[in-house]
Amino acid sequence: MTFSASAVLIAAELLTPNCLGNAFTVLPELRLSLDFNVGAGCEEGPWLRLPSVRCAQDDVLYSSGARPQNPCHPSNPHKSVIFAAVFFLLSKVLDFLLLPLVWLLFLLVAALLSGRPARRRGLLLAALVLLLVGTNGALVNEALLAWELPPVPPAAVGHRPVGVLLTGITQVSKSPHDRVYLQHGADRLTHALWLYRAGRIRRILISGGSGAVREVAHTEARDLYTLLRLAGVPARDLLLEQRSRNTRENALFTKELLHQQGLDTTVVLITSAFHQRRALGCFRRVGLHPVAFPAGYFSTDRSLAPTYWLIPDADALSRWSLLLHEISGYVVYRVLGYA
């Protein structure tokens, strides 16, 4: 599921006192091309031509002294970087192997190729059980409810100097690249904006390069930076970290950037609820003191209705994949000492 950048701006408008069309007039440093058709009540919003959005480089604080030549793939001669690259590629292989759909296809192909009737029946029965469990929306929802951290009231985070917004909610490989494509979990962005507008955090640090294997046109952090600038957040209140490719690097490079800026190590950590356990572990491991603010829930409220328990849900397979990926990632990070 994707959303246009305009949809985010409409959501952001709910958190701001004025209509966004009017708010942009106080942002001359953003060279925007906007066509307005806004009435007195702001019933209609601006049509944004994002190719013309260009932020001055000195408005952005990078996590290194010089702007990287390619922020998605920074070069580093140290062996640790080689290990990080291998770890990154192996994580992609593990993602593939943990897909329930891959298991299902394996069982069906094995049954088709099996020459023994008894073994074929056993493989088909296993495939049927996997299909029934994998498409049961109630079972995966109960598992997600047990794994995801519960919502946190904004007042519980207190007042902090920095909120760290982790990426992973945009499609940077989608073309054309003149706009931002948001995916499920985009309320990471709106929750960060909510905390900022409520005065709970004074600055937003966006952490995330690209989780893609191939080179992409721009980083995920840059996408969210663009949307937050369009939502009226001043450049001085935004920090940008574009080198990280996984949660451990999020923590390492965030700590580096906080140290460079002389900021407190107690931060509000804004990421999806299913990802909070691993993220909290990584940030604590590097010496930071994160305060969790979960967002992007994949679970729903529990129900006693028969449809909740009995009706198959095709989306359940993808949610199982997500949950298995995260649990396995958490276990691997614990074993490696990353979390």
Protein backbone atom coordinates (compact mmCIF):
# COMPACT_ATOMS: atom_id res chain seq x y z
CA MET A 1 0.00 0.00 0.00
CA THR A 2 1.43 3.39 -0.96
CA PHE A 3 0.37 6.93 -0.21
CA SER A 4 1.27 10.14 -1.97
CA ALA A 5 3.24 12.84 -0.21
CA SER A 6 0.12 15.00 -0.31
CA ALA A 7 -1.63 12.48 1.93
CA VAL A 8 1.06 12.91 4.55
CA LEU A 9 0.74 16.66 4.34
CA ILE A 10 -3.00 16.37 4.94
CA ALA A 11 -2.29 14.18 7.99
CA ALA A 12 0.32 16.64 9.18
CA GLU A 13 -2.20 19.44 8.86
CA LEU A 14 -4.21 17.85 11.67
CA LEU A 15 -1.24 18.54 13.94
CA THR A 16 -0.63 22.15 12.93
CA PRO A 17 -2.65 25.28 13.72
CA ASN A 18 -2.74 26.61 10.15
CA CYS A 19 -3.41 25.11 6.76
CA LEU A 20 -0.24 23.82 5.17
CA GLY A 21 -0.79 25.94 2.10
CA ASN A 22 -0.42 29.03 4.25
CA ALA A 23 2.39 27.52 6.33
CA PHE A 24 4.63 27.14 3.29
CA THR A 25 4.77 30.90 2.84
CA VAL A 26 7.12 31.12 5.82
CA LEU A 27 9.59 28.65 4.29
CA PRO A 28 11.38 30.65 1.61
CA GLU A 29 14.54 28.57 1.97
CA LEU A 30 12.68 25.62 0.46
CA ARG A 31 12.52 26.21 -3.26
CA LEU A 32 9.10 24.66 -3.85
CA SER A 33 6.97 24.63 -6.94
CA LEU A 34 3.41 24.73 -5.59
CA ASP A 35 0.13 25.22 -7.38
CA PHE A 36 -2.47 26.42 -4.88
CA ASN A 37 -6.20 26.18 -5.13
CA VAL A 38 -6.94 26.72 -1.46
CA GLY A 39 -10.21 28.18 -0.27
CA ALA A 40 -10.76 30.01 2.97
CA GLY A 41 -11.37 26.73 4.78
CA CYS A 42 -8.48 24.94 3.10
CA GLU A 43 -10.78 22.32 1.64
CA GLU A 44 -8.33 21.69 -1.16
CA GLY A 45 -4.62 21.28 -0.65
CA PRO A 46 -1.57 22.13 -2.73
CA TRP A 47 -0.48 20.09 -5.69
CA LEU A 48 3.18 19.40 -5.00
CA ARG A 49 5.77 18.96 -7.72
CA LEU A 50 8.49 17.37 -5.65
CA PRO A 51 11.21 17.43 -8.35
CA SER A 52 11.59 21.11 -7.63
CA VAL A 53 12.15 20.56 -3.88
CA ARG A 54 15.80 21.32 -3.24
CA CYS A 55 17.03 21.99 0.29
CA ALA A 56 20.25 23.91 0.80
CA GLN A 57 23.05 21.56 1.80
CA ASP A 58 23.92 23.63 4.84
CA ASP A 59 20.39 23.02 6.13
CA VAL A 60 21.22 19.34 6.62
CA LEU A 61 23.47 17.98 9.35
CA TYR A 62 25.17 14.81 8.15
CA SER A 63 26.64 12.16 10.43
CA SER A 64 30.12 12.78 9.03
CA GLY A 65 32.11 15.93 8.42
CA ALA A 66 31.75 15.86 4.64
CA ARG A 67 28.73 14.91 2.63
CA PRO A 68 29.22 11.30 1.42
CA GLN A 69 29.62 10.82 -2.31
CA ASN A 70 26.98 8.10 -2.18
CA PRO A 71 25.11 8.11 1.13
CA CYS A 72 23.53 4.72 0.41
CA HIS A 73 26.85 2.96 0.07
CA PRO A 74 29.61 4.67 2.08
CA SER A 75 33.10 3.42 1.53
CA ASN A 76 35.27 2.37 4.45
CA PRO A 77 38.48 0.34 4.27
CA HIS A 78 38.09 -1.30 7.66
CA LYS A 79 37.30 -4.99 7.99
CA SER A 80 34.28 -4.20 10.11
CA VAL A 81 32.65 -2.69 7.04
CA ILE A 82 33.26 -5.90 5.09
CA PHE A 83 31.65 -7.88 7.89
CA ALA A 84 28.74 -5.44 7.90
CA ALA A 85 28.24 -5.96 4.15
CA VAL A 86 28.31 -9.74 4.52
CA PHE A 87 25.92 -9.53 7.46
CA PHE A 88 23.62 -7.33 5.38
CA LEU A 89 23.53 -9.81 2.48
CA LEU A 90 23.06 -12.82 4.76
CA SER A 91 20.13 -11.07 6.42
CA LYS A 92 18.46 -10.79 3.02
CA VAL A 93 18.95 -14.51 2.42
CA LEU A 94 17.49 -15.27 5.84
CA ASP A 95 14.49 -13.09 5.03
CA PHE A 96 13.81 -15.23 1.97
CA LEU A 97 14.18 -18.52 3.83
CA LEU A 98 11.76 -17.43 6.55
CA LEU A 99 8.90 -16.65 4.18
CA PRO A 100 5.95 -19.01 4.92
CA LEU A 101 5.06 -18.89 1.24
CA VAL A 102 8.50 -20.32 0.42
CA TRP A 103 7.87 -23.16 2.86
CA LEU A 104 4.49 -23.81 1.26
CA LEU A 105 5.96 -23.93 -2.24
CA PHE A 106 8.76 -26.22 -1.04
CA LEU A 107 6.26 -28.69 0.44
CA LEU A 108 4.12 -28.70 -2.71
CA VAL A 109 7.10 -29.16 -5.03
CA ALA A 110 8.51 -31.91 -2.78
CA ALA A 111 5.13 -33.67 -2.82
CA LEU A 112 4.98 -33.40 -6.60
CA LEU A 113 8.46 -34.90 -6.99
CA SER A 114 8.08 -37.58 -4.34
CA GLY A 115 7.85 -41.14 -5.66
CA ARG A 116 6.41 -42.57 -2.46
CA PRO A 117 2.63 -42.22 -1.95
CA ALA A 118 2.93 -42.17 1.85
CA ARG A 119 5.54 -39.41 1.78
CA ARG A 120 3.51 -37.46 -0.79
CA ARG A 121 0.44 -37.60 1.47
CA GLY A 122 2.52 -36.45 4.44
CA LEU A 123 3.94 -33.50 2.52
CA LEU A 124 0.51 -32.47 1.24
CA LEU A 125 -0.92 -32.71 4.75
CA ALA A 126 1.92 -30.51 6.07
CA ALA A 127 1.23 -28.00 3.29
CA LEU A 128 -2.48 -27.96 4.21
CA VAL A 129 -1.76 -27.39 7.90
CA LEU A 130 0.70 -24.61 7.04
CA LEU A 131 -1.89 -22.99 4.78
CA LEU A 132 -4.61 -23.15 7.46
CA VAL A 133 -2.35 -21.73 10.16
CA GLY A 134 -0.71 -19.19 7.87
CA THR A 135 -3.98 -17.71 6.67
CA ASN A 136 -5.65 -17.55 10.08
CA GLY A 137 -5.76 -13.86 10.87
CA ALA A 138 -6.61 -14.40 14.54
CA LEU A 139 -3.54 -16.54 15.23
CA VAL A 140 -1.06 -14.10 13.70
CA ASN A 141 -2.84 -11.19 15.37
CA GLU A 142 -2.52 -12.85 18.77
CA ALA A 143 1.18 -13.44 18.10
CA LEU A 144 1.64 -9.80 17.11
CA LEU A 145 -0.21 -8.59 20.20
CA ALA A 146 2.20 -10.62 22.32
CA TRP A 147 5.30 -9.32 20.49
CA GLU A 148 4.54 -5.65 19.79
CA LEU A 149 5.13 -3.13 22.56
CA PRO A 150 1.91 -1.41 23.66
CA PRO A 151 1.14 2.24 22.84
CA VAL A 152 2.73 4.88 25.05
CA PRO A 153 0.98 8.16 26.01
CA PRO A 154 2.92 11.21 24.82
CA ALA A 155 3.10 12.51 28.39
CA ALA A 156 5.01 9.36 29.39
CA VAL A 157 8.05 10.32 27.32
CA GLY A 158 8.42 13.62 29.15
CA HIS A 159 10.27 16.43 27.37
CA ARG A 160 13.38 15.32 25.48
CA PRO A 161 15.86 17.18 23.30
CA VAL A 162 15.78 14.63 20.45
CA GLY A 163 13.40 12.10 18.99
CA VAL A 164 15.00 9.46 16.75
CA LEU A 165 12.81 8.50 13.80
CA LEU A 166 13.87 5.24 12.19
CA THR A 167 13.17 4.78 8.49
CA GLY A 168 11.85 1.73 6.66
CA ILE A 169 8.50 3.15 5.61
CA THR A 170 9.28 4.43 2.12
CA GLN A 171 9.80 2.80 -1.27
CA VAL A 172 13.01 4.38 -2.51
CA SER A 173 13.25 1.99 -5.47
CA LYS A 174 9.87 3.01 -6.87
CA SER A 175 9.91 5.30 -9.89
CA PRO A 176 9.42 8.06 -10.85
CA HIS A 177 11.67 9.51 -8.18
CA ASP A 178 10.01 12.92 -8.10
CA ARG A 179 7.84 12.00 -5.10
CA VAL A 180 7.82 10.02 -1.86
CA TYR A 181 6.06 6.65 -1.62
CA LEU A 182 4.97 5.70 1.88
CA GLN A 183 4.13 2.19 3.03
CA HIS A 184 2.41 0.60 6.01
CA GLY A 185 3.86 2.04 9.18
CA ALA A 186 3.88 5.62 7.92
CA ASP A 187 2.52 6.77 11.27
CA ARG A 188 6.13 6.60 12.46
CA LEU A 189 6.40 9.89 10.60
CA THR A 190 3.14 11.40 11.86
CA HIS A 191 3.87 10.27 15.45
CA ALA A 192 7.26 11.98 15.32
CA LEU A 193 5.56 15.12 14.02
CA TRP A 194 2.93 14.79 16.74
CA LEU A 195 5.57 14.65 19.48
CA TYR A 196 7.40 17.60 17.92
CA ARG A 197 4.26 19.76 17.65
CA ALA A 198 3.28 18.83 21.22
CA GLY A 199 6.67 20.02 22.48
CA ARG A 200 7.68 16.58 23.71
CA ILE A 201 10.79 16.57 21.51
CA ARG A 202 12.70 19.64 20.32
CA ARG A 203 14.49 18.06 17.36
CA ILE A 204 13.96 15.06 15.09
CA LEU A 205 16.90 12.88 14.09
CA ILE A 206 16.05 10.78 11.01
CA SER A 207 18.16 7.64 10.81
CA GLY A 208 18.29 5.36 7.78
CA GLY A 209 20.11 5.02 4.48
CA SER A 210 18.71 2.22 2.37
CA GLY A 211 17.93 -1.42 3.09
CA ALA A 212 18.03 -2.24 -0.62
CA VAL A 213 20.76 -4.46 -2.04
CA ARG A 214 21.08 -2.35 -5.18
CA GLU A 215 21.85 1.36 -5.30
CA VAL A 216 18.84 3.66 -5.05
CA ALA A 217 18.19 7.20 -6.20
CA HIS A 218 17.99 8.70 -2.69
CA THR A 219 17.95 7.54 0.90
CA GLU A 220 14.94 6.82 3.06
CA ALA A 221 16.07 9.46 5.53
CA ARG A 222 16.13 12.05 2.75
CA ASP A 223 12.53 11.17 1.84
CA LEU A 224 11.29 11.69 5.40
CA TYR A 225 13.38 14.85 5.71
CA THR A 226 11.60 16.24 2.64
CA LEU A 227 8.16 15.45 4.06
CA LEU A 228 8.94 16.95 7.46
CA ARG A 229 10.24 20.12 5.80
CA LEU A 230 7.06 20.30 3.74
CA ALA A 231 5.09 19.88 6.98
CA GLY A 232 6.75 23.02 8.32
CA VAL A 233 9.51 21.63 10.55
CA PRO A 234 12.47 24.04 10.38
CA ALA A 235 15.75 22.70 9.04
CA ARG A 236 17.49 23.65 12.27
CA ASP A 237 15.32 21.13 14.13
CA LEU A 238 16.18 18.22 11.82
CA LEU A 239 19.23 15.96 11.92
CA LEU A 240 19.92 13.56 9.08
CA GLU A 241 21.79 10.24 9.29
CA GLN A 242 21.95 8.53 5.87
CA ARG A 243 24.58 5.81 6.24
CA SER A 244 22.83 3.07 8.22
CA ARG A 245 21.45 -0.06 6.55
CA ASN A 246 20.19 -1.96 9.58
CA THR A 247 19.16 -1.41 13.18
CA ARG A 248 22.65 -1.81 14.62
CA GLU A 249 24.00 0.86 12.29
CA ASN A 250 21.02 3.07 13.19
CA ALA A 251 22.22 2.98 16.79
CA LEU A 252 25.94 3.39 16.03
CA PHE A 253 25.58 6.32 13.64
CA THR A 254 22.91 7.99 15.76
CA LYS A 255 25.26 7.94 18.75
CA GLU A 256 28.02 9.40 16.55
CA LEU A 257 25.79 12.22 15.36
CA LEU A 258 24.49 12.99 18.87
CA HIS A 259 28.10 13.19 20.09
CA GLN A 260 29.05 15.54 17.25
CA GLN A 261 26.17 17.85 18.13
CA GLY A 262 26.77 17.67 21.89
CA LEU A 263 23.26 16.34 22.53
CA ASP A 264 21.91 14.25 25.38
CA THR A 265 22.04 10.47 24.99
CA THR A 266 18.49 10.06 26.29
CA VAL A 267 16.30 10.03 23.18
CA VAL A 268 12.75 9.15 22.25
CA LEU A 269 12.92 6.16 19.91
CA ILE A 270 10.16 6.23 17.30
CA THR A 271 9.80 3.06 15.27
CA SER A 272 7.23 0.37 14.55
CA ALA A 273 5.87 -1.51 17.56
CA PHE A 274 7.08 -4.87 16.26
CA HIS A 275 10.60 -3.44 15.81
CA GLN A 276 10.92 -1.72 19.18
CA ARG A 277 12.44 -4.67 21.08
CA ARG A 278 15.40 -5.01 18.72
CA ALA A 279 15.82 -1.24 18.33
CA LEU A 280 15.82 -0.64 22.09
CA GLY A 281 18.41 -3.39 22.56
CA CYS A 282 20.70 -1.94 19.89
CA PHE A 283 20.48 1.62 21.19
CA ARG A 284 21.13 0.52 24.77
CA ARG A 285 24.07 -1.64 23.67
CA VAL A 286 25.91 1.36 22.19
CA GLY A 287 25.40 3.42 25.33
CA LEU A 288 22.29 5.43 24.48
CA HIS A 289 19.24 5.71 26.73
CA PRO A 290 16.17 5.30 24.52
CA VAL A 291 12.59 5.94 25.59
CA ALA A 292 10.24 3.83 23.47
CA PHE A 293 7.41 5.41 21.51
CA PRO A 294 5.93 2.60 19.38
CA ALA A 295 4.06 3.30 16.16
CA GLY A 296 3.09 1.43 12.98
CA TYR A 297 1.03 -1.33 14.54
CA PHE A 298 0.31 -4.46 12.49
CA SER A 299 -1.95 -5.92 15.17
CA THR A 300 -5.60 -5.07 15.70
CA ASP A 301 -7.79 -5.25 18.77
CA ARG A 302 -8.80 -8.75 19.82
CA SER A 303 -12.33 -9.82 18.92
CA LEU A 304 -14.68 -12.62 19.95
CA ALA A 305 -16.55 -12.56 16.66
CA PRO A 306 -16.51 -15.86 14.69
CA THR A 307 -15.19 -14.05 11.63
CA TYR A 308 -12.08 -13.07 13.61
CA TRP A 309 -11.19 -16.69 14.29
CA LEU A 310 -12.57 -18.61 11.31
CA ILE A 311 -12.37 -16.55 8.12
CA PRO A 312 -9.07 -17.03 6.21
CA ASP A 313 -7.06 -13.87 5.62
CA ALA A 314 -4.60 -13.75 2.72
CA ASP A 315 -2.77 -10.86 4.41
CA ALA A 316 -1.99 -13.12 7.37
CA LEU A 317 0.86 -14.77 5.44
CA SER A 318 2.64 -11.46 5.01
CA ARG A 319 2.17 -10.61 8.69
CA TRP A 320 3.61 -14.00 9.68
CA SER A 321 6.59 -13.24 7.43
CA LEU A 322 7.08 -9.88 9.11
CA LEU A 323 6.86 -11.35 12.61
CA LEU A 324 9.19 -14.28 11.88
CA HIS A 325 11.69 -11.90 10.28
CA GLU A 326 11.69 -9.66 13.34
CA ILE A 327 11.92 -12.45 15.92
CA SER A 328 14.76 -14.14 14.04
CA GLY A 329 16.51 -10.77 13.68
CA TYR A 330 16.18 -10.15 17.40
CA VAL A 331 17.62 -13.59 18.22
CA VAL A 332 20.55 -13.11 15.81
CA TYR A 333 21.29 -9.67 17.24
CA ARG A 334 21.25 -11.08 20.76
CA VAL A 335 23.64 -13.89 19.80
CA LEU A 336 26.04 -11.44 18.09
CA GLY A 337 25.88 -9.06 21.04
CA TYR A 338 24.23 -6.27 19.04
CA ALA A 339 21.17 -6.04 21.31
